[in-house]
Amino acid sequence: MYQNYKNVETVKPGGLELKDRLVGVQRVTKVTKGGRAFGFSAIVVVGDENGVVGHGLGKSKEVATAIAKAIEDAKKNLVRIPLTKATLPHEQKGKFGGARVFIKPASHGTGVIAGGAVRAVLEAVGVQDVLSKSQGSSNPHNVVKATFDALLQLRSADTVAKQRGVSLEKVFKG
């Protein structure tokens, strides 16, 4: 699922205390000759609020089972996001489909300035101070995936230093 990203560290759910956040539930209708058949799709974000997060989609005829399936799917797709104290290492843009998300680190005490699906993802990661802007599509599925796109492109200062083959001091001072 995350093969297009270079420095993605996947995580096994064992031993983690994961909290799930329901992003959205959609009712879908299939019209048949006997009438309408209703189903539900749920998108869920799970995270340990310490840098590990995953998202999942579940579909079922009942809401509760759709949510349960989404949580199981999210636990299979956990990744570690690099955090600096309680914020992000640098600003980043992410996009998926028609949704575009911009996330920017903020000073201590700012809080999570984000709406809807972006807020759910950032809180599940454990970011406490961040500024964000969601542009384009407001479809929660695409917004969650755009937020993940931005988060998976983040690199810590240690990673940048290793990739460039320079000291950590040189990364900051040039």
C-alpha atoms as a PDB file:
ATOM      1  CA  MET A   1       0.000   0.000   0.000  1.00  0.00           C
ATOM      2  CA  TYR A   2       2.881   2.386   0.783  1.00  0.00           C
ATOM      3  CA  GLN A   3       5.386   1.183  -1.836  1.00  0.00           C
ATOM      4  CA  ASN A   4       5.646   4.615  -3.538  1.00  0.00           C
ATOM      5  CA  TYR A   5       7.272   6.151  -0.432  1.00  0.00           C
ATOM      6  CA  LYS A   6      10.970   5.721   0.365  1.00  0.00           C
ATOM      7  CA  ASN A   7      11.290   5.894   4.146  1.00  0.00           C
ATOM      8  CA  VAL A   8       8.066   4.267   5.290  1.00  0.00           C
ATOM      9  CA  GLU A   9       8.390   2.132   8.398  1.00  0.00           C
ATOM     10  CA  THR A  10       5.449  -0.259   8.700  1.00  0.00           C
ATOM     11  CA  VAL A  11       4.442  -1.310  12.212  1.00  0.00           C
ATOM     12  CA  LYS A  12       2.808  -4.459  13.589  1.00  0.00           C
ATOM     13  CA  PRO A  13      -0.232  -3.776  15.826  1.00  0.00           C
ATOM     14  CA  GLY A  14       0.901  -6.168  18.581  1.00  0.00           C
ATOM     15  CA  GLY A  15       1.705  -4.488  21.879  1.00  0.00           C
ATOM     16  CA  LEU A  16       0.386  -1.082  20.847  1.00  0.00           C
ATOM     17  CA  GLU A  17      -2.483   0.661  22.590  1.00  0.00           C
ATOM     18  CA  LEU A  18      -4.414   1.844  19.544  1.00  0.00           C
ATOM     19  CA  LYS A  19      -7.309   4.288  19.643  1.00  0.00           C
ATOM     20  CA  ASP A  20      -9.754   4.386  16.755  1.00  0.00           C
ATOM     21  CA  ARG A  21     -11.489   7.467  15.359  1.00  0.00           C
ATOM     22  CA  LEU A  22     -14.467   7.228  13.047  1.00  0.00           C
ATOM     23  CA  VAL A  23     -13.988   9.674  10.170  1.00  0.00           C
ATOM     24  CA  GLY A  24     -17.205   9.012   8.304  1.00  0.00           C
ATOM     25  CA  VAL A  25     -20.025   6.600   7.507  1.00  0.00           C
ATOM     26  CA  GLN A  26     -21.735   6.673   4.120  1.00  0.00           C
ATOM     27  CA  ARG A  27     -24.976   4.982   3.191  1.00  0.00           C
ATOM     28  CA  VAL A  28     -24.837   3.477  -0.259  1.00  0.00           C
ATOM     29  CA  THR A  29     -27.885   2.348  -2.204  1.00  0.00           C
ATOM     30  CA  LYS A  30     -28.144  -0.390  -4.788  1.00  0.00           C
ATOM     31  CA  VAL A  31     -31.367  -0.423  -6.754  1.00  0.00           C
ATOM     32  CA  THR A  32     -32.585  -3.924  -7.628  1.00  0.00           C
ATOM     33  CA  LYS A  33     -35.837  -5.247  -9.072  1.00  0.00           C
ATOM     34  CA  GLY A  34     -37.015  -5.963  -5.515  1.00  0.00           C
ATOM     35  CA  GLY A  35     -36.441  -2.378  -4.386  1.00  0.00           C
ATOM     36  CA  ARG A  36     -33.494  -0.637  -2.811  1.00  0.00           C
ATOM     37  CA  ALA A  37     -30.712  -2.475  -0.991  1.00  0.00           C
ATOM     38  CA  PHE A  38     -28.897  -0.282   1.536  1.00  0.00           C
ATOM     39  CA  GLY A  39     -25.321  -0.798   2.625  1.00  0.00           C
ATOM     40  CA  PHE A  40     -22.806   1.215   4.624  1.00  0.00           C
ATOM     41  CA  SER A  41     -19.156   2.094   4.181  1.00  0.00           C
ATOM     42  CA  ALA A  42     -17.074   3.410   7.061  1.00  0.00           C
ATOM     43  CA  ILE A  43     -13.641   5.017   7.074  1.00  0.00           C
ATOM     44  CA  VAL A  44     -11.658   4.795  10.312  1.00  0.00           C
ATOM     45  CA  VAL A  45      -8.256   6.068  11.480  1.00  0.00           C
ATOM     46  CA  VAL A  46      -6.386   4.229  14.253  1.00  0.00           C
ATOM     47  CA  GLY A  47      -3.286   5.439  16.056  1.00  0.00           C
ATOM     48  CA  ASP A  48      -1.347   5.218  19.302  1.00  0.00           C
ATOM     49  CA  GLU A  49      -1.010   9.040  19.547  1.00  0.00           C
ATOM     50  CA  ASN A  50       2.761   8.593  19.527  1.00  0.00           C
ATOM     51  CA  GLY A  51       3.671   8.544  15.830  1.00  0.00           C
ATOM     52  CA  VAL A  52       1.942   5.344  14.665  1.00  0.00           C
ATOM     53  CA  VAL A  53      -1.178   5.632  12.502  1.00  0.00           C
ATOM     54  CA  GLY A  54      -3.209   3.694   9.937  1.00  0.00           C
ATOM     55  CA  HIS A  55      -6.466   4.064   8.033  1.00  0.00           C
ATOM     56  CA  GLY A  56      -9.015   1.537   6.818  1.00  0.00           C
ATOM     57  CA  LEU A  57     -12.269   1.146   4.943  1.00  0.00           C
ATOM     58  CA  GLY A  58     -15.031  -1.297   5.833  1.00  0.00           C
ATOM     59  CA  LYS A  59     -18.250  -2.110   3.995  1.00  0.00           C
ATOM     60  CA  SER A  60     -21.277  -4.010   5.248  1.00  0.00           C
ATOM     61  CA  LYS A  61     -25.058  -4.101   5.409  1.00  0.00           C
ATOM     62  CA  GLU A  62     -24.918  -2.842   9.033  1.00  0.00           C
ATOM     63  CA  VAL A  63     -23.050   0.181  10.391  1.00  0.00           C
ATOM     64  CA  ALA A  64     -21.472  -1.634  13.358  1.00  0.00           C
ATOM     65  CA  THR A  65     -19.941  -4.387  11.230  1.00  0.00           C
ATOM     66  CA  ALA A  66     -18.721  -1.836   8.662  1.00  0.00           C
ATOM     67  CA  ILE A  67     -16.911   0.041  11.456  1.00  0.00           C
ATOM     68  CA  ALA A  68     -15.444  -3.207  12.856  1.00  0.00           C
ATOM     69  CA  LYS A  69     -14.166  -4.185   9.400  1.00  0.00           C
ATOM     70  CA  ALA A  70     -12.662  -0.714   8.928  1.00  0.00           C
ATOM     71  CA  ILE A  71     -10.804  -0.948  12.254  1.00  0.00           C
ATOM     72  CA  GLU A  72      -9.364  -4.360  11.288  1.00  0.00           C
ATOM     73  CA  ASP A  73      -8.277  -2.960   7.904  1.00  0.00           C
ATOM     74  CA  ALA A  74      -6.661   0.061   9.569  1.00  0.00           C
ATOM     75  CA  LYS A  75      -4.646  -2.167  11.923  1.00  0.00           C
ATOM     76  CA  LYS A  76      -3.160  -3.932   8.884  1.00  0.00           C
ATOM     77  CA  ASN A  77      -1.879  -0.639   7.440  1.00  0.00           C
ATOM     78  CA  LEU A  78       0.011   0.948  10.353  1.00  0.00           C
ATOM     79  CA  VAL A  79       2.996   3.226   9.657  1.00  0.00           C
ATOM     80  CA  ARG A  80       5.365   5.293  11.827  1.00  0.00           C
ATOM     81  CA  ILE A  81       5.402   9.054  11.238  1.00  0.00           C
ATOM     82  CA  PRO A  82       8.453  11.111  12.343  1.00  0.00           C
ATOM     83  CA  LEU A  83       7.468  13.721  14.939  1.00  0.00           C
ATOM     84  CA  THR A  84       9.523  16.551  16.470  1.00  0.00           C
ATOM     85  CA  LYS A  85       8.382  17.018  20.066  1.00  0.00           C
ATOM     86  CA  ALA A  86       4.595  17.444  19.642  1.00  0.00           C
ATOM     87  CA  THR A  87       4.621  18.806  16.088  1.00  0.00           C
ATOM     88  CA  LEU A  88       5.891  17.991  12.590  1.00  0.00           C
ATOM     89  CA  PRO A  89       9.519  18.231  11.406  1.00  0.00           C
ATOM     90  CA  HIS A  90       8.643  20.488   8.434  1.00  0.00           C
ATOM     91  CA  GLU A  91       5.731  21.666   6.294  1.00  0.00           C
ATOM     92  CA  GLN A  92       4.421  19.370   3.580  1.00  0.00           C
ATOM     93  CA  LYS A  93       1.758  19.150   0.881  1.00  0.00           C
ATOM     94  CA  GLY A  94      -0.148  15.996   0.052  1.00  0.00           C
ATOM     95  CA  LYS A  95      -2.681  15.135  -2.585  1.00  0.00           C
ATOM     96  CA  PHE A  96      -4.926  12.279  -3.553  1.00  0.00           C
ATOM     97  CA  GLY A  97      -7.572  12.455  -6.252  1.00  0.00           C
ATOM     98  CA  GLY A  98      -9.200  15.892  -6.031  1.00  0.00           C
ATOM     99  CA  ALA A  99      -8.180  16.497  -2.416  1.00  0.00           C
ATOM    100  CA  ARG A 100      -5.139  18.565  -1.472  1.00  0.00           C
ATOM    101  CA  VAL A 101      -3.858  18.984   2.087  1.00  0.00           C
ATOM    102  CA  PHE A 102      -1.197  21.352   3.439  1.00  0.00           C
ATOM    103  CA  ILE A 103       0.243  20.718   6.918  1.00  0.00           C
ATOM    104  CA  LYS A 104       2.668  23.016   8.720  1.00  0.00           C
ATOM    105  CA  PRO A 105       4.385  22.732  12.115  1.00  0.00           C
ATOM    106  CA  ALA A 106       3.303  25.215  14.769  1.00  0.00           C
ATOM    107  CA  SER A 107       4.768  26.520  18.014  1.00  0.00           C
ATOM    108  CA  HIS A 108       3.907  24.945  21.371  1.00  0.00           C
ATOM    109  CA  GLY A 109       0.399  25.813  22.573  1.00  0.00           C
ATOM    110  CA  THR A 110      -1.146  26.343  19.137  1.00  0.00           C
ATOM    111  CA  GLY A 111      -3.218  23.155  19.152  1.00  0.00           C
ATOM    112  CA  VAL A 112      -4.517  21.230  16.152  1.00  0.00           C
ATOM    113  CA  ILE A 113      -5.838  23.754  13.643  1.00  0.00           C
ATOM    114  CA  ALA A 114      -7.503  21.351  11.232  1.00  0.00           C
ATOM    115  CA  GLY A 115     -10.973  20.286  10.248  1.00  0.00           C
ATOM    116  CA  GLY A 116     -12.818  17.022   9.795  1.00  0.00           C
ATOM    117  CA  ALA A 117     -10.816  14.178   8.337  1.00  0.00           C
ATOM    118  CA  VAL A 118      -7.447  15.958   8.622  1.00  0.00           C
ATOM    119  CA  ARG A 119      -7.999  16.539  12.350  1.00  0.00           C
ATOM    120  CA  ALA A 120      -8.860  12.871  12.933  1.00  0.00           C
ATOM    121  CA  VAL A 121      -5.635  11.721  11.251  1.00  0.00           C
ATOM    122  CA  LEU A 122      -3.388  14.288  12.987  1.00  0.00           C
ATOM    123  CA  GLU A 123      -4.859  13.557  16.429  1.00  0.00           C
ATOM    124  CA  ALA A 124      -4.431   9.809  15.883  1.00  0.00           C
ATOM    125  CA  VAL A 125      -0.755  10.403  15.000  1.00  0.00           C
ATOM    126  CA  GLY A 126      -0.277  12.366  18.210  1.00  0.00           C
ATOM    127  CA  VAL A 127       0.461  15.803  16.755  1.00  0.00           C
ATOM    128  CA  GLN A 128      -0.551  18.476  19.270  1.00  0.00           C
ATOM    129  CA  ASP A 129       0.554  21.678  17.495  1.00  0.00           C
ATOM    130  CA  VAL A 130      -0.089  21.980  13.760  1.00  0.00           C
ATOM    131  CA  LEU A 131      -1.621  24.268  11.162  1.00  0.00           C
ATOM    132  CA  SER A 132      -3.384  22.734   8.164  1.00  0.00           C
ATOM    133  CA  LYS A 133      -5.463  23.626   5.164  1.00  0.00           C
ATOM    134  CA  SER A 134      -7.602  21.245   3.147  1.00  0.00           C
ATOM    135  CA  GLN A 135      -8.291  22.345  -0.416  1.00  0.00           C
ATOM    136  CA  GLY A 136     -10.193  20.889  -3.315  1.00  0.00           C
ATOM    137  CA  SER A 137     -12.419  17.898  -2.653  1.00  0.00           C
ATOM    138  CA  SER A 138     -13.940  17.470   0.811  1.00  0.00           C
ATOM    139  CA  ASN A 139     -14.619  13.750   0.248  1.00  0.00           C
ATOM    140  CA  PRO A 140     -13.391  12.196   3.539  1.00  0.00           C
ATOM    141  CA  HIS A 141     -11.855   9.164   1.792  1.00  0.00           C
ATOM    142  CA  ASN A 142      -9.670  11.338  -0.431  1.00  0.00           C
ATOM    143  CA  VAL A 143      -8.863  13.850   2.342  1.00  0.00           C
ATOM    144  CA  VAL A 144      -7.615  11.052   4.637  1.00  0.00           C
ATOM    145  CA  LYS A 145      -5.457   9.626   1.848  1.00  0.00           C
ATOM    146  CA  ALA A 146      -4.113  13.102   0.960  1.00  0.00           C
ATOM    147  CA  THR A 147      -3.218  13.659   4.629  1.00  0.00           C
ATOM    148  CA  PHE A 148      -1.421  10.308   4.679  1.00  0.00           C
ATOM    149  CA  ASP A 149       0.402  11.323   1.485  1.00  0.00           C
ATOM    150  CA  ALA A 150       1.687  14.451   3.256  1.00  0.00           C
ATOM    151  CA  LEU A 151       2.610  12.585   6.461  1.00  0.00           C
ATOM    152  CA  LEU A 152       4.461   9.803   4.624  1.00  0.00           C
ATOM    153  CA  GLN A 153       6.638  12.370   2.818  1.00  0.00           C
ATOM    154  CA  LEU A 154       7.857  13.834   6.134  1.00  0.00           C
ATOM    155  CA  ARG A 155      11.513  13.208   6.999  1.00  0.00           C
ATOM    156  CA  SER A 156      13.235  13.747  10.325  1.00  0.00           C
ATOM    157  CA  ALA A 157      16.509  15.689  10.523  1.00  0.00           C
ATOM    158  CA  ASP A 158      18.390  12.431  11.278  1.00  0.00           C
ATOM    159  CA  THR A 159      17.015  10.809   8.108  1.00  0.00           C
ATOM    160  CA  VAL A 160      17.963  13.820   5.972  1.00  0.00           C
ATOM    161  CA  ALA A 161      21.508  13.812   7.413  1.00  0.00           C
ATOM    162  CA  LYS A 162      21.929  10.079   6.675  1.00  0.00           C
ATOM    163  CA  GLN A 163      20.578  10.416   3.124  1.00  0.00           C
ATOM    164  CA  ARG A 164      22.895  13.333   2.347  1.00  0.00           C
ATOM    165  CA  GLY A 165      25.861  11.774   4.123  1.00  0.00           C
ATOM    166  CA  VAL A 166      26.509  14.854   6.255  1.00  0.00           C
ATOM    167  CA  SER A 167      26.428  15.661   9.967  1.00  0.00           C
ATOM    168  CA  LEU A 168      23.231  16.707  11.706  1.00  0.00           C
ATOM    169  CA  GLU A 169      24.773  20.131  12.385  1.00  0.00           C
ATOM    170  CA  LYS A 170      25.400  20.722   8.675  1.00  0.00           C
ATOM    171  CA  VAL A 171      21.743  19.984   7.867  1.00  0.00           C
ATOM    172  CA  PHE A 172      20.643  22.905  10.037  1.00  0.00           C
ATOM    173  CA  LYS A 173      23.493  25.377   9.368  1.00  0.00           C
ATOM    174  CA  GLY A 174      24.151  24.613   5.699  1.00  0.00           C
END
